[in-house]
């Protein structure tokens, strides 16, 4: 999948924004924000991701980032970060659905979660196999 913006300078620092598909407010729960932060910390420790600044909003994440080493590249790190994070958040949403099913009177809440999952699964392209793996959209701006 191509993006309008590419990381061309492996030693560069970039302003990166990635958003949930169709701007779904997925980061309104602490549990989901913690998943994002855990993923970022892992990439910092294990992959050489360097975070200069960050901000997590209700439906998107801003990072000013670079890498400590030429390999893996910033593109590789971001790919892995988004793939791992999206899978973990989808698992958390589905776990919550199962927990809520056991409670009485949660029908409306379950419908909201089902709507979020369906929005994620059936985005604009309609290709379910791609959309299940893709939880976020990405924009990049070079800082230096």
N, C-alpha and C. Protein backbone atom coordinates (compact mmCIF):
# COMPACT_ATOMS: atom_id res chain seq x y z
N UNK A 1 0.85 -1.16 0.00
CA UNK A 1 0.00 0.00 0.00
C UNK A 1 0.90 1.22 0.00
N UNK A 2 0.74 2.14 -0.95
CA UNK A 2 1.56 3.33 -1.02
C UNK A 2 0.95 4.49 -0.27
N UNK A 3 1.78 5.39 0.15
CA UNK A 3 1.34 6.59 0.83
C UNK A 3 1.85 7.80 0.06
N UNK A 4 1.20 8.93 0.23
CA UNK A 4 1.60 10.15 -0.44
C UNK A 4 2.95 10.64 0.07
N UNK A 5 3.29 10.32 1.31
CA UNK A 5 4.51 10.79 1.92
C UNK A 5 5.42 9.60 2.22
N UNK A 6 6.71 9.76 1.92
CA UNK A 6 7.67 8.68 2.13
C UNK A 6 8.80 9.18 3.02
N UNK A 7 9.42 8.27 3.71
CA UNK A 7 10.61 8.58 4.50
C UNK A 7 11.80 8.35 3.59
N UNK A 8 12.42 9.43 3.14
CA UNK A 8 13.52 9.34 2.18
C UNK A 8 14.89 9.39 2.83
N UNK A 9 15.01 10.09 3.94
CA UNK A 9 16.29 10.24 4.61
C UNK A 9 16.30 9.37 5.87
N UNK A 10 17.08 8.28 5.86
CA UNK A 10 17.06 7.38 7.01
C UNK A 10 17.56 8.02 8.30
N UNK A 11 18.32 9.09 8.20
CA UNK A 11 18.83 9.78 9.39
C UNK A 11 17.99 11.00 9.76
N UNK A 12 16.92 11.22 9.01
CA UNK A 12 16.08 12.39 9.24
C UNK A 12 15.17 12.25 10.44
N UNK A 13 14.66 13.38 10.88
CA UNK A 13 13.65 13.42 11.93
C UNK A 13 12.35 13.82 11.27
N UNK A 14 11.28 13.09 11.58
CA UNK A 14 10.00 13.28 10.89
C UNK A 14 8.88 13.54 11.88
N UNK A 15 7.95 14.39 11.45
CA UNK A 15 6.68 14.56 12.15
C UNK A 15 5.73 13.55 11.53
N UNK A 16 5.24 12.62 12.32
CA UNK A 16 4.44 11.50 11.82
C UNK A 16 3.08 11.54 12.49
N UNK A 17 2.05 11.39 11.69
CA UNK A 17 0.71 11.25 12.23
C UNK A 17 0.12 9.97 11.70
N UNK A 18 -0.41 9.13 12.58
CA UNK A 18 -1.20 8.02 12.09
C UNK A 18 -2.54 8.04 12.81
N UNK A 19 -3.58 7.80 12.01
CA UNK A 19 -4.95 7.91 12.50
C UNK A 19 -5.67 6.58 12.31
N UNK A 20 -6.68 6.38 13.13
CA UNK A 20 -7.50 5.19 12.97
C UNK A 20 -8.29 5.32 11.67
N UNK A 21 -8.65 4.20 11.10
CA UNK A 21 -9.44 4.19 9.87
C UNK A 21 -10.75 4.92 10.13
N UNK A 22 -11.08 5.82 9.24
CA UNK A 22 -12.29 6.65 9.33
C UNK A 22 -12.35 7.44 10.64
N UNK A 23 -11.20 7.71 11.22
CA UNK A 23 -11.07 8.56 12.41
C UNK A 23 -11.94 8.08 13.58
N UNK A 24 -12.06 6.76 13.74
CA UNK A 24 -12.81 6.19 14.86
C UNK A 24 -12.09 6.56 16.17
N UNK A 25 -12.85 7.01 17.18
CA UNK A 25 -12.28 7.40 18.47
C UNK A 25 -11.90 6.16 19.27
N UNK A 26 -10.75 5.58 18.93
CA UNK A 26 -10.33 4.34 19.57
C UNK A 26 -9.48 4.57 20.81
N UNK A 27 -8.88 5.75 20.94
CA UNK A 27 -7.96 5.97 22.05
C UNK A 27 -8.62 6.75 23.19
N UNK A 28 -9.89 6.52 23.40
CA UNK A 28 -10.61 7.17 24.49
C UNK A 28 -10.54 6.35 25.78
N UNK A 29 -10.09 5.12 25.68
CA UNK A 29 -9.96 4.26 26.86
C UNK A 29 -8.48 4.10 27.21
N UNK A 30 -8.19 4.17 28.49
CA UNK A 30 -6.81 4.05 28.97
C UNK A 30 -6.16 2.76 28.48
N UNK A 31 -6.93 1.69 28.44
CA UNK A 31 -6.39 0.40 28.01
C UNK A 31 -5.79 0.47 26.61
N UNK A 32 -6.46 1.18 25.71
CA UNK A 32 -5.97 1.28 24.33
C UNK A 32 -4.77 2.21 24.23
N UNK A 33 -4.78 3.29 25.00
CA UNK A 33 -3.63 4.20 25.03
C UNK A 33 -2.42 3.46 25.59
N UNK A 34 -2.63 2.66 26.61
CA UNK A 34 -1.53 1.88 27.19
C UNK A 34 -0.92 0.92 26.18
N UNK A 35 -1.74 0.37 25.32
CA UNK A 35 -1.24 -0.53 24.26
C UNK A 35 -0.33 0.26 23.31
N UNK A 36 -0.75 1.46 22.93
CA UNK A 36 0.07 2.31 22.05
C UNK A 36 1.40 2.63 22.74
N UNK A 37 1.33 3.05 24.00
CA UNK A 37 2.56 3.41 24.73
C UNK A 37 3.49 2.22 24.91
N UNK A 38 2.91 1.06 25.20
CA UNK A 38 3.71 -0.16 25.34
C UNK A 38 4.43 -0.49 24.02
N UNK A 39 3.74 -0.32 22.92
CA UNK A 39 4.34 -0.59 21.61
C UNK A 39 5.46 0.39 21.31
N UNK A 40 5.24 1.66 21.62
CA UNK A 40 6.27 2.67 21.39
C UNK A 40 7.50 2.37 22.25
N UNK A 41 7.29 2.05 23.52
CA UNK A 41 8.41 1.75 24.43
C UNK A 41 9.22 0.54 23.92
N UNK A 42 8.51 -0.47 23.44
CA UNK A 42 9.20 -1.64 22.90
C UNK A 42 10.08 -1.25 21.71
N UNK A 43 9.51 -0.47 20.80
CA UNK A 43 10.28 -0.05 19.61
C UNK A 43 11.46 0.83 19.99
N UNK A 44 11.32 1.63 21.05
CA UNK A 44 12.45 2.42 21.52
C UNK A 44 13.56 1.52 22.05
N UNK A 45 13.19 0.56 22.86
CA UNK A 45 14.17 -0.30 23.53
C UNK A 45 14.80 -1.31 22.57
N UNK A 46 13.98 -1.93 21.74
CA UNK A 46 14.44 -3.07 20.93
C UNK A 46 14.80 -2.72 19.49
N UNK A 47 14.25 -1.63 18.96
CA UNK A 47 14.44 -1.35 17.54
C UNK A 47 15.15 -0.03 17.25
N UNK A 48 15.44 0.74 18.31
CA UNK A 48 16.17 1.98 18.10
C UNK A 48 15.30 3.16 17.70
N UNK A 49 14.01 3.09 17.98
CA UNK A 49 13.13 4.22 17.69
C UNK A 49 13.47 5.35 18.66
N UNK A 50 13.60 6.53 18.13
CA UNK A 50 13.89 7.71 18.95
C UNK A 50 12.69 8.64 18.88
N UNK A 51 12.05 8.88 20.02
CA UNK A 51 10.89 9.76 20.09
C UNK A 51 11.34 11.10 20.67
N UNK A 52 11.14 12.16 19.91
CA UNK A 52 11.49 13.51 20.35
C UNK A 52 10.29 14.17 21.02
N UNK A 53 9.10 13.83 20.57
CA UNK A 53 7.85 14.34 21.15
C UNK A 53 6.71 13.45 20.68
N UNK A 54 5.63 13.40 21.46
CA UNK A 54 4.47 12.58 21.07
C UNK A 54 3.21 13.15 21.68
N UNK A 55 2.10 12.81 21.04
CA UNK A 55 0.79 13.22 21.54
C UNK A 55 -0.23 12.19 21.04
N UNK A 56 -1.00 11.63 21.97
CA UNK A 56 -2.04 10.68 21.59
C UNK A 56 -3.38 11.38 21.76
N UNK A 57 -4.10 11.51 20.66
CA UNK A 57 -5.43 12.11 20.65
C UNK A 57 -6.47 10.98 20.62
N UNK A 58 -7.74 11.32 20.59
CA UNK A 58 -8.79 10.29 20.65
C UNK A 58 -8.79 9.36 19.44
N UNK A 59 -8.32 9.84 18.29
CA UNK A 59 -8.38 9.02 17.08
C UNK A 59 -7.11 9.07 16.23
N UNK A 60 -6.06 9.68 16.76
CA UNK A 60 -4.80 9.71 16.03
C UNK A 60 -3.63 9.93 16.98
N UNK A 61 -2.44 9.66 16.46
CA UNK A 61 -1.21 9.79 17.23
C UNK A 61 -0.24 10.65 16.45
N UNK A 62 0.40 11.60 17.14
CA UNK A 62 1.46 12.42 16.55
C UNK A 62 2.78 12.00 17.17
N UNK A 63 3.79 11.85 16.34
CA UNK A 63 5.15 11.57 16.82
C UNK A 63 6.12 12.47 16.09
N UNK A 64 7.13 12.93 16.78
CA UNK A 64 8.32 13.47 16.12
C UNK A 64 9.38 12.43 16.41
N UNK A 65 9.83 11.75 15.35
CA UNK A 65 10.63 10.55 15.55
C UNK A 65 11.78 10.44 14.56
N UNK A 66 12.78 9.68 14.98
CA UNK A 66 13.91 9.32 14.13
C UNK A 66 14.40 7.96 14.64
N UNK A 67 15.51 7.48 14.08
CA UNK A 67 16.07 6.21 14.54
C UNK A 67 17.49 6.42 15.04
N UNK A 68 17.92 5.54 15.92
CA UNK A 68 19.29 5.61 16.43
C UNK A 68 20.26 4.95 15.47
N UNK A 69 19.76 3.99 14.68
CA UNK A 69 20.62 3.20 13.80
C UNK A 69 20.01 3.19 12.40
N UNK A 70 20.84 2.97 11.36
CA UNK A 70 20.29 2.92 10.00
C UNK A 70 19.35 1.74 9.75
N UNK A 71 19.56 0.64 10.46
CA UNK A 71 18.70 -0.55 10.32
C UNK A 71 18.18 -0.96 11.68
N UNK A 72 16.95 -1.26 11.87
CA UNK A 72 15.88 -1.14 10.88
C UNK A 72 15.55 0.32 10.60
N UNK A 73 15.00 0.56 9.43
CA UNK A 73 14.67 1.93 9.04
C UNK A 73 13.45 2.41 9.81
N UNK A 74 13.24 3.73 9.80
CA UNK A 74 12.08 4.30 10.45
C UNK A 74 10.80 3.74 9.84
N UNK A 75 10.78 3.56 8.53
CA UNK A 75 9.61 2.96 7.87
C UNK A 75 9.33 1.56 8.39
N UNK A 76 10.39 0.76 8.55
CA UNK A 76 10.23 -0.60 9.06
C UNK A 76 9.69 -0.60 10.49
N UNK A 77 10.24 0.29 11.31
CA UNK A 77 9.82 0.37 12.70
C UNK A 77 8.35 0.79 12.79
N UNK A 78 7.96 1.80 12.01
CA UNK A 78 6.57 2.27 12.03
C UNK A 78 5.62 1.20 11.53
N UNK A 79 6.04 0.47 10.51
CA UNK A 79 5.20 -0.63 10.00
C UNK A 79 4.95 -1.64 11.10
N UNK A 80 6.01 -2.06 11.77
CA UNK A 80 5.88 -3.05 12.84
C UNK A 80 5.08 -2.50 14.02
N UNK A 81 5.32 -1.26 14.38
CA UNK A 81 4.61 -0.62 15.49
C UNK A 81 3.11 -0.60 15.22
N UNK A 82 2.73 -0.17 14.03
CA UNK A 82 1.30 -0.07 13.70
C UNK A 82 0.66 -1.45 13.57
N UNK A 83 1.37 -2.41 13.01
CA UNK A 83 0.81 -3.75 12.86
C UNK A 83 0.57 -4.38 14.23
N UNK A 84 1.57 -4.35 15.10
CA UNK A 84 1.45 -4.93 16.43
C UNK A 84 0.35 -4.21 17.22
N UNK A 85 0.39 -2.88 17.20
CA UNK A 85 -0.56 -2.09 17.98
C UNK A 85 -1.99 -2.33 17.52
N UNK A 86 -2.21 -2.32 16.22
CA UNK A 86 -3.57 -2.50 15.72
C UNK A 86 -4.11 -3.88 16.08
N UNK A 87 -3.26 -4.91 15.97
CA UNK A 87 -3.71 -6.25 16.34
C UNK A 87 -4.05 -6.34 17.83
N UNK A 88 -3.23 -5.73 18.68
CA UNK A 88 -3.47 -5.75 20.12
C UNK A 88 -4.75 -4.98 20.48
N UNK A 89 -4.99 -3.84 19.83
CA UNK A 89 -6.20 -3.07 20.12
C UNK A 89 -7.44 -3.83 19.65
N UNK A 90 -7.36 -4.44 18.49
CA UNK A 90 -8.50 -5.23 18.01
C UNK A 90 -8.78 -6.39 18.96
N UNK A 91 -7.73 -7.05 19.46
CA UNK A 91 -7.92 -8.12 20.44
C UNK A 91 -8.58 -7.58 21.71
N UNK A 92 -8.14 -6.41 22.16
CA UNK A 92 -8.70 -5.82 23.38
C UNK A 92 -10.18 -5.47 23.19
N UNK A 93 -10.52 -4.95 22.02
CA UNK A 93 -11.92 -4.62 21.73
C UNK A 93 -12.76 -5.89 21.74
N UNK A 94 -12.26 -6.95 21.10
CA UNK A 94 -13.00 -8.20 21.06
C UNK A 94 -13.11 -8.83 22.45
N UNK A 95 -12.05 -8.71 23.26
CA UNK A 95 -12.12 -9.21 24.64
C UNK A 95 -13.19 -8.47 25.42
N UNK A 96 -13.24 -7.16 25.25
CA UNK A 96 -14.26 -6.36 25.95
C UNK A 96 -15.65 -6.76 25.50
N UNK A 97 -15.79 -7.05 24.22
CA UNK A 97 -17.10 -7.49 23.73
C UNK A 97 -17.54 -8.76 24.44
N UNK A 98 -16.62 -9.71 24.56
CA UNK A 98 -16.95 -10.98 25.21
C UNK A 98 -17.30 -10.77 26.68
N UNK A 99 -16.58 -9.89 27.36
CA UNK A 99 -16.87 -9.61 28.77
C UNK A 99 -18.24 -8.95 28.90
N UNK A 100 -18.51 -8.00 28.03
CA UNK A 100 -19.79 -7.28 28.10
C UNK A 100 -20.97 -8.18 27.76
N UNK A 101 -20.75 -9.19 26.94
CA UNK A 101 -21.83 -10.11 26.60
C UNK A 101 -22.37 -10.81 27.84
N UNK A 102 -21.50 -10.99 28.83
CA UNK A 102 -21.90 -11.67 30.05
C UNK A 102 -22.74 -10.78 30.97
N UNK A 103 -22.70 -9.48 30.74
CA UNK A 103 -23.46 -8.55 31.58
C UNK A 103 -24.84 -8.32 30.99
N UNK A 104 -25.76 -7.96 31.82
CA UNK A 104 -27.12 -7.68 31.37
C UNK A 104 -27.24 -6.18 31.07
N UNK A 105 -27.98 -5.84 30.03
CA UNK A 105 -28.25 -4.43 29.73
C UNK A 105 -27.13 -3.70 29.01
N UNK A 106 -26.28 -4.42 28.30
CA UNK A 106 -25.16 -3.78 27.62
C UNK A 106 -25.35 -3.76 26.11
N UNK A 107 -26.54 -3.96 25.64
CA UNK A 107 -26.77 -4.10 24.21
C UNK A 107 -26.26 -2.88 23.42
N UNK A 108 -26.56 -1.69 23.91
CA UNK A 108 -26.14 -0.48 23.19
C UNK A 108 -24.63 -0.36 23.11
N UNK A 109 -23.95 -0.65 24.20
CA UNK A 109 -22.50 -0.59 24.22
C UNK A 109 -21.90 -1.60 23.25
N UNK A 110 -22.45 -2.80 23.22
CA UNK A 110 -21.95 -3.82 22.30
C UNK A 110 -22.13 -3.40 20.85
N UNK A 111 -23.24 -2.73 20.57
CA UNK A 111 -23.47 -2.27 19.21
C UNK A 111 -22.42 -1.25 18.79
N UNK A 112 -22.00 -0.39 19.73
CA UNK A 112 -20.95 0.59 19.43
C UNK A 112 -19.65 -0.14 19.11
N UNK A 113 -19.28 -1.13 19.92
CA UNK A 113 -18.05 -1.88 19.67
C UNK A 113 -18.12 -2.63 18.34
N UNK A 114 -19.28 -3.23 18.05
CA UNK A 114 -19.43 -3.92 16.77
C UNK A 114 -19.26 -2.94 15.62
N UNK A 115 -19.80 -1.75 15.78
CA UNK A 115 -19.68 -0.72 14.76
C UNK A 115 -18.22 -0.35 14.54
N UNK A 116 -17.45 -0.20 15.64
CA UNK A 116 -16.02 0.13 15.52
C UNK A 116 -15.29 -0.97 14.78
N UNK A 117 -15.54 -2.22 15.16
CA UNK A 117 -14.86 -3.34 14.51
C UNK A 117 -15.24 -3.42 13.04
N UNK A 118 -16.52 -3.24 12.72
CA UNK A 118 -16.93 -3.29 11.32
C UNK A 118 -16.34 -2.13 10.54
N UNK A 119 -16.24 -0.96 11.16
CA UNK A 119 -15.62 0.17 10.47
C UNK A 119 -14.17 -0.15 10.15
N UNK A 120 -13.49 -0.78 11.10
CA UNK A 120 -12.10 -1.15 10.88
C UNK A 120 -12.01 -2.21 9.79
N UNK A 121 -12.89 -3.18 9.80
CA UNK A 121 -12.82 -4.28 8.85
C UNK A 121 -13.24 -3.87 7.44
N UNK A 122 -14.17 -2.95 7.33
CA UNK A 122 -14.68 -2.59 6.01
C UNK A 122 -14.49 -1.10 5.76
N UNK A 123 -13.27 -0.73 5.52
CA UNK A 123 -12.95 0.66 5.21
C UNK A 123 -13.28 0.94 3.75
N UNK A 124 -12.79 2.06 3.25
CA UNK A 124 -13.11 2.52 1.89
C UNK A 124 -12.79 1.48 0.82
N UNK A 125 -11.67 0.74 0.97
CA UNK A 125 -11.28 -0.18 -0.09
C UNK A 125 -12.19 -1.41 -0.14
N UNK A 126 -12.80 -1.75 0.97
CA UNK A 126 -13.70 -2.90 0.99
C UNK A 126 -12.98 -4.24 1.00
N UNK A 127 -11.66 -4.25 0.98
CA UNK A 127 -10.90 -5.49 0.99
C UNK A 127 -10.71 -5.94 2.43
N UNK A 128 -11.50 -6.89 2.85
CA UNK A 128 -11.53 -7.31 4.26
C UNK A 128 -10.17 -7.82 4.73
N UNK A 129 -9.45 -8.56 3.91
CA UNK A 129 -8.19 -9.13 4.36
C UNK A 129 -7.16 -8.04 4.66
N UNK A 130 -7.16 -6.99 3.87
CA UNK A 130 -6.24 -5.88 4.12
C UNK A 130 -6.71 -5.07 5.32
N UNK A 131 -8.00 -4.78 5.39
CA UNK A 131 -8.52 -3.90 6.43
C UNK A 131 -8.41 -4.53 7.81
N UNK A 132 -8.55 -5.85 7.94
CA UNK A 132 -8.41 -6.49 9.24
C UNK A 132 -7.03 -6.24 9.83
N UNK A 133 -6.03 -6.15 8.99
CA UNK A 133 -4.66 -5.94 9.46
C UNK A 133 -4.33 -4.45 9.57
N UNK A 134 -5.15 -3.59 9.00
CA UNK A 134 -4.84 -2.16 8.96
C UNK A 134 -5.78 -1.39 9.87
N UNK A 135 -5.28 -0.92 10.97
CA UNK A 135 -6.09 -0.18 11.92
C UNK A 135 -5.85 1.31 11.78
N UNK A 136 -4.73 1.68 11.18
CA UNK A 136 -4.39 3.09 11.13
C UNK A 136 -4.03 3.54 9.73
N UNK A 137 -4.18 4.83 9.52
CA UNK A 137 -3.74 5.50 8.31
C UNK A 137 -2.53 6.32 8.71
N UNK A 138 -1.70 6.71 7.75
CA UNK A 138 -0.45 7.37 8.11
C UNK A 138 -0.19 8.59 7.24
N UNK A 139 0.32 9.64 7.85
CA UNK A 139 0.82 10.81 7.15
C UNK A 139 2.19 11.14 7.73
N UNK A 140 3.10 11.57 6.88
CA UNK A 140 4.46 11.90 7.30
C UNK A 140 4.82 13.29 6.83
N UNK A 141 5.52 14.03 7.67
CA UNK A 141 6.08 15.32 7.28
C UNK A 141 7.51 15.35 7.78
N UNK A 142 8.45 15.68 6.89
CA UNK A 142 9.86 15.76 7.28
C UNK A 142 10.08 17.01 8.11
N UNK A 143 10.83 16.87 9.20
CA UNK A 143 11.10 18.00 10.08
C UNK A 143 12.37 18.71 9.66
N UNK A 144 13.43 17.95 9.35
CA UNK A 144 14.68 18.64 8.97
C UNK A 144 15.14 18.22 7.61
